[in-house]
């Protein structure tokens, strides 16, 4: 998982490498370095640009961009990753990753565009969190660490790793662009 600023946009990436241990961690580090390298300004183009990179194992990936031009998250997801809108306009809703893995070829990449506004809370996560997660069962207004701890405790899969990125939108017209 990573986030970075580039050309006044905030980029986010979440990966789930097949397998565990040092080899999987090294592949994730290499994949993040590829995605962070300067490239196309749209997530679908950037991910497509790197689709033939030899990573060594299949990787599920979500790559998103919040640009300065509009309060919209453009996100492309391939494999076992999900985006859930927890609160605010358009919630609750869930977007699933398309079929496929970062293993040499992607299907036709289709981005998800999520308009953002103050008060929205978005959760991007790997399949280490069960697809049956019912976020409405948790108290609203929880701060990030307790919320992520409660999610992992209640719906985390005991034999899988879990990556989560929680985005709270405070002002839909500007982004604090600091790593």
C-alpha atoms as a PDB file:
ATOM      1  CA  UNK A   1       0.000   0.000   0.000  1.00  0.00           C
ATOM      2  CA  UNK A   2       1.288   3.462  -0.832  1.00  0.00           C
ATOM      3  CA  UNK A   3       0.239   7.039  -1.465  1.00  0.00           C
ATOM      4  CA  UNK A   4       2.179   9.859  -3.059  1.00  0.00           C
ATOM      5  CA  UNK A   5       1.735  13.220  -4.724  1.00  0.00           C
ATOM      6  CA  UNK A   6       2.636  13.868  -8.322  1.00  0.00           C
ATOM      7  CA  UNK A   7       1.818  16.913 -10.474  1.00  0.00           C
ATOM      8  CA  UNK A   8      -0.619  18.221  -7.829  1.00  0.00           C
ATOM      9  CA  UNK A   9      -2.555  14.933  -7.740  1.00  0.00           C
ATOM     10  CA  UNK A  10      -2.741  12.409  -4.915  1.00  0.00           C
ATOM     11  CA  UNK A  11      -2.133   8.807  -6.023  1.00  0.00           C
ATOM     12  CA  UNK A  12      -3.060   5.712  -3.993  1.00  0.00           C
ATOM     13  CA  UNK A  13      -2.110   2.079  -4.564  1.00  0.00           C
ATOM     14  CA  UNK A  14      -3.052  -1.103  -2.778  1.00  0.00           C
ATOM     15  CA  UNK A  15      -1.640  -4.511  -3.728  1.00  0.00           C
ATOM     16  CA  UNK A  16      -2.213  -8.095  -2.664  1.00  0.00           C
ATOM     17  CA  UNK A  17       0.600 -10.410  -3.802  1.00  0.00           C
ATOM     18  CA  UNK A  18      -0.090 -14.140  -4.089  1.00  0.00           C
ATOM     19  CA  UNK A  19       1.705 -15.851  -1.228  1.00  0.00           C
ATOM     20  CA  UNK A  20       3.341 -14.559   1.920  1.00  0.00           C
ATOM     21  CA  UNK A  21       6.766 -13.799   3.356  1.00  0.00           C
ATOM     22  CA  UNK A  22       9.854 -11.968   2.182  1.00  0.00           C
ATOM     23  CA  UNK A  23       9.438 -12.899  -1.500  1.00  0.00           C
ATOM     24  CA  UNK A  24       5.889 -11.495  -1.592  1.00  0.00           C
ATOM     25  CA  UNK A  25       7.041  -8.330   0.213  1.00  0.00           C
ATOM     26  CA  UNK A  26       9.856  -7.841  -2.321  1.00  0.00           C
ATOM     27  CA  UNK A  27       7.398  -8.188  -5.216  1.00  0.00           C
ATOM     28  CA  UNK A  28       5.050  -5.653  -3.615  1.00  0.00           C
ATOM     29  CA  UNK A  29       7.940  -3.199  -3.173  1.00  0.00           C
ATOM     30  CA  UNK A  30       8.926  -3.609  -6.844  1.00  0.00           C
ATOM     31  CA  UNK A  31       5.339  -3.175  -8.022  1.00  0.00           C
ATOM     32  CA  UNK A  32       4.868   0.026  -5.977  1.00  0.00           C
ATOM     33  CA  UNK A  33       8.133   1.406  -7.404  1.00  0.00           C
ATOM     34  CA  UNK A  34       6.832   0.777 -10.941  1.00  0.00           C
ATOM     35  CA  UNK A  35       3.527   2.521 -10.198  1.00  0.00           C
ATOM     36  CA  UNK A  36       5.232   5.502  -8.534  1.00  0.00           C
ATOM     37  CA  UNK A  37       7.558   6.061 -11.497  1.00  0.00           C
ATOM     38  CA  UNK A  38       6.452   9.021 -13.630  1.00  0.00           C
ATOM     39  CA  UNK A  39       4.073   7.866 -16.314  1.00  0.00           C
ATOM     40  CA  UNK A  40       0.617   8.409 -17.772  1.00  0.00           C
ATOM     41  CA  UNK A  41      -1.643  10.684 -15.731  1.00  0.00           C
ATOM     42  CA  UNK A  42      -4.672   8.325 -15.736  1.00  0.00           C
ATOM     43  CA  UNK A  43      -4.720   5.152 -13.599  1.00  0.00           C
ATOM     44  CA  UNK A  44      -5.912   2.896 -16.442  1.00  0.00           C
ATOM     45  CA  UNK A  45      -3.125   4.095 -18.735  1.00  0.00           C
ATOM     46  CA  UNK A  46      -0.461   3.860 -16.032  1.00  0.00           C
ATOM     47  CA  UNK A  47      -1.462   0.348 -14.988  1.00  0.00           C
ATOM     48  CA  UNK A  48      -1.765  -0.735 -18.631  1.00  0.00           C
ATOM     49  CA  UNK A  49       1.702   0.690 -19.315  1.00  0.00           C
ATOM     50  CA  UNK A  50       3.185  -1.703 -16.739  1.00  0.00           C
ATOM     51  CA  UNK A  51       1.005  -4.746 -17.457  1.00  0.00           C
ATOM     52  CA  UNK A  52       3.835  -6.831 -18.904  1.00  0.00           C
ATOM     53  CA  UNK A  53       6.298  -6.146 -16.069  1.00  0.00           C
ATOM     54  CA  UNK A  54       7.676  -9.523 -14.879  1.00  0.00           C
ATOM     55  CA  UNK A  55       6.734  -9.527 -11.193  1.00  0.00           C
ATOM     56  CA  UNK A  56       7.143 -13.256 -10.568  1.00  0.00           C
ATOM     57  CA  UNK A  57       3.751 -13.848  -8.904  1.00  0.00           C
ATOM     58  CA  UNK A  58       0.176 -12.773  -9.585  1.00  0.00           C
ATOM     59  CA  UNK A  59      -0.741  -9.468  -7.904  1.00  0.00           C
ATOM     60  CA  UNK A  60      -4.175  -7.956  -7.291  1.00  0.00           C
ATOM     61  CA  UNK A  61      -3.925  -4.178  -7.561  1.00  0.00           C
ATOM     62  CA  UNK A  62      -5.920  -0.999  -7.079  1.00  0.00           C
ATOM     63  CA  UNK A  63      -4.490   2.242  -8.438  1.00  0.00           C
ATOM     64  CA  UNK A  64      -6.263   5.553  -7.954  1.00  0.00           C
ATOM     65  CA  UNK A  65      -5.793   9.254  -8.578  1.00  0.00           C
ATOM     66  CA  UNK A  66      -7.419  12.263  -6.936  1.00  0.00           C
ATOM     67  CA  UNK A  67      -6.629  15.175  -9.214  1.00  0.00           C
ATOM     68  CA  UNK A  68      -6.728  18.887  -8.541  1.00  0.00           C
ATOM     69  CA  UNK A  69      -9.100  19.486 -11.452  1.00  0.00           C
ATOM     70  CA  UNK A  70     -12.183  17.898  -9.844  1.00  0.00           C
ATOM     71  CA  UNK A  71     -13.150  16.229  -6.569  1.00  0.00           C
ATOM     72  CA  UNK A  72     -13.290  12.731  -8.099  1.00  0.00           C
ATOM     73  CA  UNK A  73     -11.417   9.546  -7.284  1.00  0.00           C
ATOM     74  CA  UNK A  74     -10.558   7.669 -10.478  1.00  0.00           C
ATOM     75  CA  UNK A  75      -9.687   4.108  -9.515  1.00  0.00           C
ATOM     76  CA  UNK A  76      -8.861   0.985 -11.479  1.00  0.00           C
ATOM     77  CA  UNK A  77      -8.979  -2.338  -9.639  1.00  0.00           C
ATOM     78  CA  UNK A  78      -7.910  -5.770 -10.854  1.00  0.00           C
ATOM     79  CA  UNK A  79      -8.280  -8.901  -8.737  1.00  0.00           C
ATOM     80  CA  UNK A  80      -9.437  -9.372  -5.179  1.00  0.00           C
ATOM     81  CA  UNK A  81      -9.613  -5.736  -4.048  1.00  0.00           C
ATOM     82  CA  UNK A  82     -12.697  -3.699  -3.129  1.00  0.00           C
ATOM     83  CA  UNK A  83     -13.697  -0.090  -2.564  1.00  0.00           C
ATOM     84  CA  UNK A  84     -16.496   0.613  -0.116  1.00  0.00           C
ATOM     85  CA  UNK A  85     -18.145   3.965   0.441  1.00  0.00           C
ATOM     86  CA  UNK A  86     -18.885   4.034   4.151  1.00  0.00           C
ATOM     87  CA  UNK A  87     -20.530   7.418   4.575  1.00  0.00           C
ATOM     88  CA  UNK A  88     -21.552  10.522   2.703  1.00  0.00           C
ATOM     89  CA  UNK A  89     -23.182  10.875  -0.737  1.00  0.00           C
ATOM     90  CA  UNK A  90     -23.517   7.593  -2.618  1.00  0.00           C
ATOM     91  CA  UNK A  91     -23.071   5.396   0.452  1.00  0.00           C
ATOM     92  CA  UNK A  92     -23.256   2.643   1.275  1.00  0.00           C
ATOM     93  CA  UNK A  93     -21.927   1.053  -1.891  1.00  0.00           C
ATOM     94  CA  UNK A  94     -19.182  -1.327  -2.946  1.00  0.00           C
ATOM     95  CA  UNK A  95     -17.076  -1.631  -6.080  1.00  0.00           C
ATOM     96  CA  UNK A  96     -15.277  -4.922  -6.807  1.00  0.00           C
ATOM     97  CA  UNK A  97     -12.033  -5.386  -8.716  1.00  0.00           C
ATOM     98  CA  UNK A  98     -12.359  -6.742 -12.243  1.00  0.00           C
ATOM     99  CA  UNK A  99     -11.380 -10.323 -12.932  1.00  0.00           C
ATOM    100  CA  UNK A 100      -7.688 -10.813 -13.574  1.00  0.00           C
ATOM    101  CA  UNK A 101      -4.335 -10.307 -11.905  1.00  0.00           C
ATOM    102  CA  UNK A 102      -1.177  -8.323 -12.630  1.00  0.00           C
ATOM    103  CA  UNK A 103       0.604 -11.254 -14.213  1.00  0.00           C
ATOM    104  CA  UNK A 104       1.399 -10.149 -17.746  1.00  0.00           C
ATOM    105  CA  UNK A 105      -1.956  -9.102 -19.197  1.00  0.00           C
ATOM    106  CA  UNK A 106      -4.982  -7.190 -17.988  1.00  0.00           C
ATOM    107  CA  UNK A 107      -8.505  -7.446 -19.275  1.00  0.00           C
ATOM    108  CA  UNK A 108      -9.988  -4.232 -20.658  1.00  0.00           C
ATOM    109  CA  UNK A 109      -9.386  -1.905 -17.747  1.00  0.00           C
ATOM    110  CA  UNK A 110     -12.503  -0.020 -16.655  1.00  0.00           C
ATOM    111  CA  UNK A 111     -12.047   2.732 -14.097  1.00  0.00           C
ATOM    112  CA  UNK A 112     -14.485   3.496 -11.317  1.00  0.00           C
ATOM    113  CA  UNK A 113     -15.125   7.231 -10.879  1.00  0.00           C
ATOM    114  CA  UNK A 114     -16.340   8.228  -7.440  1.00  0.00           C
ATOM    115  CA  UNK A 115     -17.399  11.860  -6.890  1.00  0.00           C
ATOM    116  CA  UNK A 116     -16.047  13.055  -3.563  1.00  0.00           C
ATOM    117  CA  UNK A 117     -17.430  15.495  -1.060  1.00  0.00           C
ATOM    118  CA  UNK A 118     -17.004  16.501   2.565  1.00  0.00           C
ATOM    119  CA  UNK A 119     -18.000  13.823   5.039  1.00  0.00           C
ATOM    120  CA  UNK A 120     -17.314  10.858   2.791  1.00  0.00           C
ATOM    121  CA  UNK A 121     -15.366   7.919   4.125  1.00  0.00           C
ATOM    122  CA  UNK A 122     -13.965   5.365   1.702  1.00  0.00           C
ATOM    123  CA  UNK A 123     -12.312   2.051   2.486  1.00  0.00           C
ATOM    124  CA  UNK A 124     -10.073   0.345  -0.059  1.00  0.00           C
ATOM    125  CA  UNK A 125      -9.134  -3.197   0.998  1.00  0.00           C
ATOM    126  CA  UNK A 126      -7.803  -6.579  -0.070  1.00  0.00           C
ATOM    127  CA  UNK A 127      -9.598  -9.907   0.288  1.00  0.00           C
ATOM    128  CA  UNK A 128      -8.158 -10.287   3.780  1.00  0.00           C
ATOM    129  CA  UNK A 129     -11.407  -8.601   4.802  1.00  0.00           C
ATOM    130  CA  UNK A 130     -14.420 -10.840   4.114  1.00  0.00           C
ATOM    131  CA  UNK A 131     -16.761  -9.789   1.313  1.00  0.00           C
ATOM    132  CA  UNK A 132     -19.636 -10.163   3.798  1.00  0.00           C
ATOM    133  CA  UNK A 133     -18.375  -7.168   5.770  1.00  0.00           C
ATOM    134  CA  UNK A 134     -21.340  -5.120   7.020  1.00  0.00           C
ATOM    135  CA  UNK A 135     -20.010  -1.707   7.795  1.00  0.00           C
ATOM    136  CA  UNK A 136     -23.416  -0.498   8.916  1.00  0.00           C
ATOM    137  CA  UNK A 137     -23.036  -2.868  11.885  1.00  0.00           C
ATOM    138  CA  UNK A 138     -20.265  -0.682  13.319  1.00  0.00           C
ATOM    139  CA  UNK A 139     -20.885   2.589  15.155  1.00  0.00           C
ATOM    140  CA  UNK A 140     -20.720   5.608  12.864  1.00  0.00           C
ATOM    141  CA  UNK A 141     -18.115   8.279  13.462  1.00  0.00           C
ATOM    142  CA  UNK A 142     -15.356   5.930  14.668  1.00  0.00           C
ATOM    143  CA  UNK A 143     -11.856   7.357  14.310  1.00  0.00           C
ATOM    144  CA  UNK A 144      -9.567   5.559  11.813  1.00  0.00           C
ATOM    145  CA  UNK A 145      -7.475   3.286  14.055  1.00  0.00           C
ATOM    146  CA  UNK A 146     -10.394   1.897  16.106  1.00  0.00           C
ATOM    147  CA  UNK A 147     -12.446   1.462  12.919  1.00  0.00           C
ATOM    148  CA  UNK A 148      -9.708  -0.503  11.143  1.00  0.00           C
ATOM    149  CA  UNK A 149      -9.067  -2.578  14.281  1.00  0.00           C
ATOM    150  CA  UNK A 150     -12.785  -3.377  14.596  1.00  0.00           C
ATOM    151  CA  UNK A 151     -13.011  -4.328  10.913  1.00  0.00           C
ATOM    152  CA  UNK A 152     -10.005  -6.648  11.160  1.00  0.00           C
ATOM    153  CA  UNK A 153     -11.235  -8.235  14.391  1.00  0.00           C
ATOM    154  CA  UNK A 154     -14.770  -8.828  13.149  1.00  0.00           C
ATOM    155  CA  UNK A 155     -14.331  -9.612   9.436  1.00  0.00           C
ATOM    156  CA  UNK A 156     -10.621 -10.275   8.959  1.00  0.00           C
ATOM    157  CA  UNK A 157      -9.731 -13.684   7.577  1.00  0.00           C
ATOM    158  CA  UNK A 158      -7.472 -15.479  10.065  1.00  0.00           C
ATOM    159  CA  UNK A 159      -5.287 -17.171   7.407  1.00  0.00           C
ATOM    160  CA  UNK A 160      -4.879 -14.221   5.042  1.00  0.00           C
ATOM    161  CA  UNK A 161      -3.096 -10.903   5.174  1.00  0.00           C
ATOM    162  CA  UNK A 162      -5.075  -7.688   5.048  1.00  0.00           C
ATOM    163  CA  UNK A 163      -4.330  -4.344   3.456  1.00  0.00           C
ATOM    164  CA  UNK A 164      -6.648  -1.392   4.079  1.00  0.00           C
ATOM    165  CA  UNK A 165      -6.548   2.248   3.110  1.00  0.00           C
ATOM    166  CA  UNK A 166      -9.113   4.520   4.734  1.00  0.00           C
ATOM    167  CA  UNK A 167      -9.832   7.891   3.088  1.00  0.00           C
ATOM    168  CA  UNK A 168     -11.724  10.579   4.970  1.00  0.00           C
ATOM    169  CA  UNK A 169     -12.753  13.487   2.762  1.00  0.00           C
ATOM    170  CA  UNK A 170     -12.821  16.765   4.669  1.00  0.00           C
ATOM    171  CA  UNK A 171     -12.971  19.238   1.792  1.00  0.00           C
ATOM    172  CA  UNK A 172     -13.877  18.026  -1.672  1.00  0.00           C
ATOM    173  CA  UNK A 173     -12.193  20.960  -3.411  1.00  0.00           C
ATOM    174  CA  UNK A 174      -8.578  20.671  -2.263  1.00  0.00           C
ATOM    175  CA  UNK A 175      -6.249  17.957  -1.135  1.00  0.00           C
ATOM    176  CA  UNK A 176      -3.489  18.083   1.474  1.00  0.00           C
ATOM    177  CA  UNK A 177      -0.761  16.660  -0.758  1.00  0.00           C
ATOM    178  CA  UNK A 178       1.835  15.432   1.680  1.00  0.00           C
ATOM    179  CA  UNK A 179       3.242  11.918   1.899  1.00  0.00           C
END
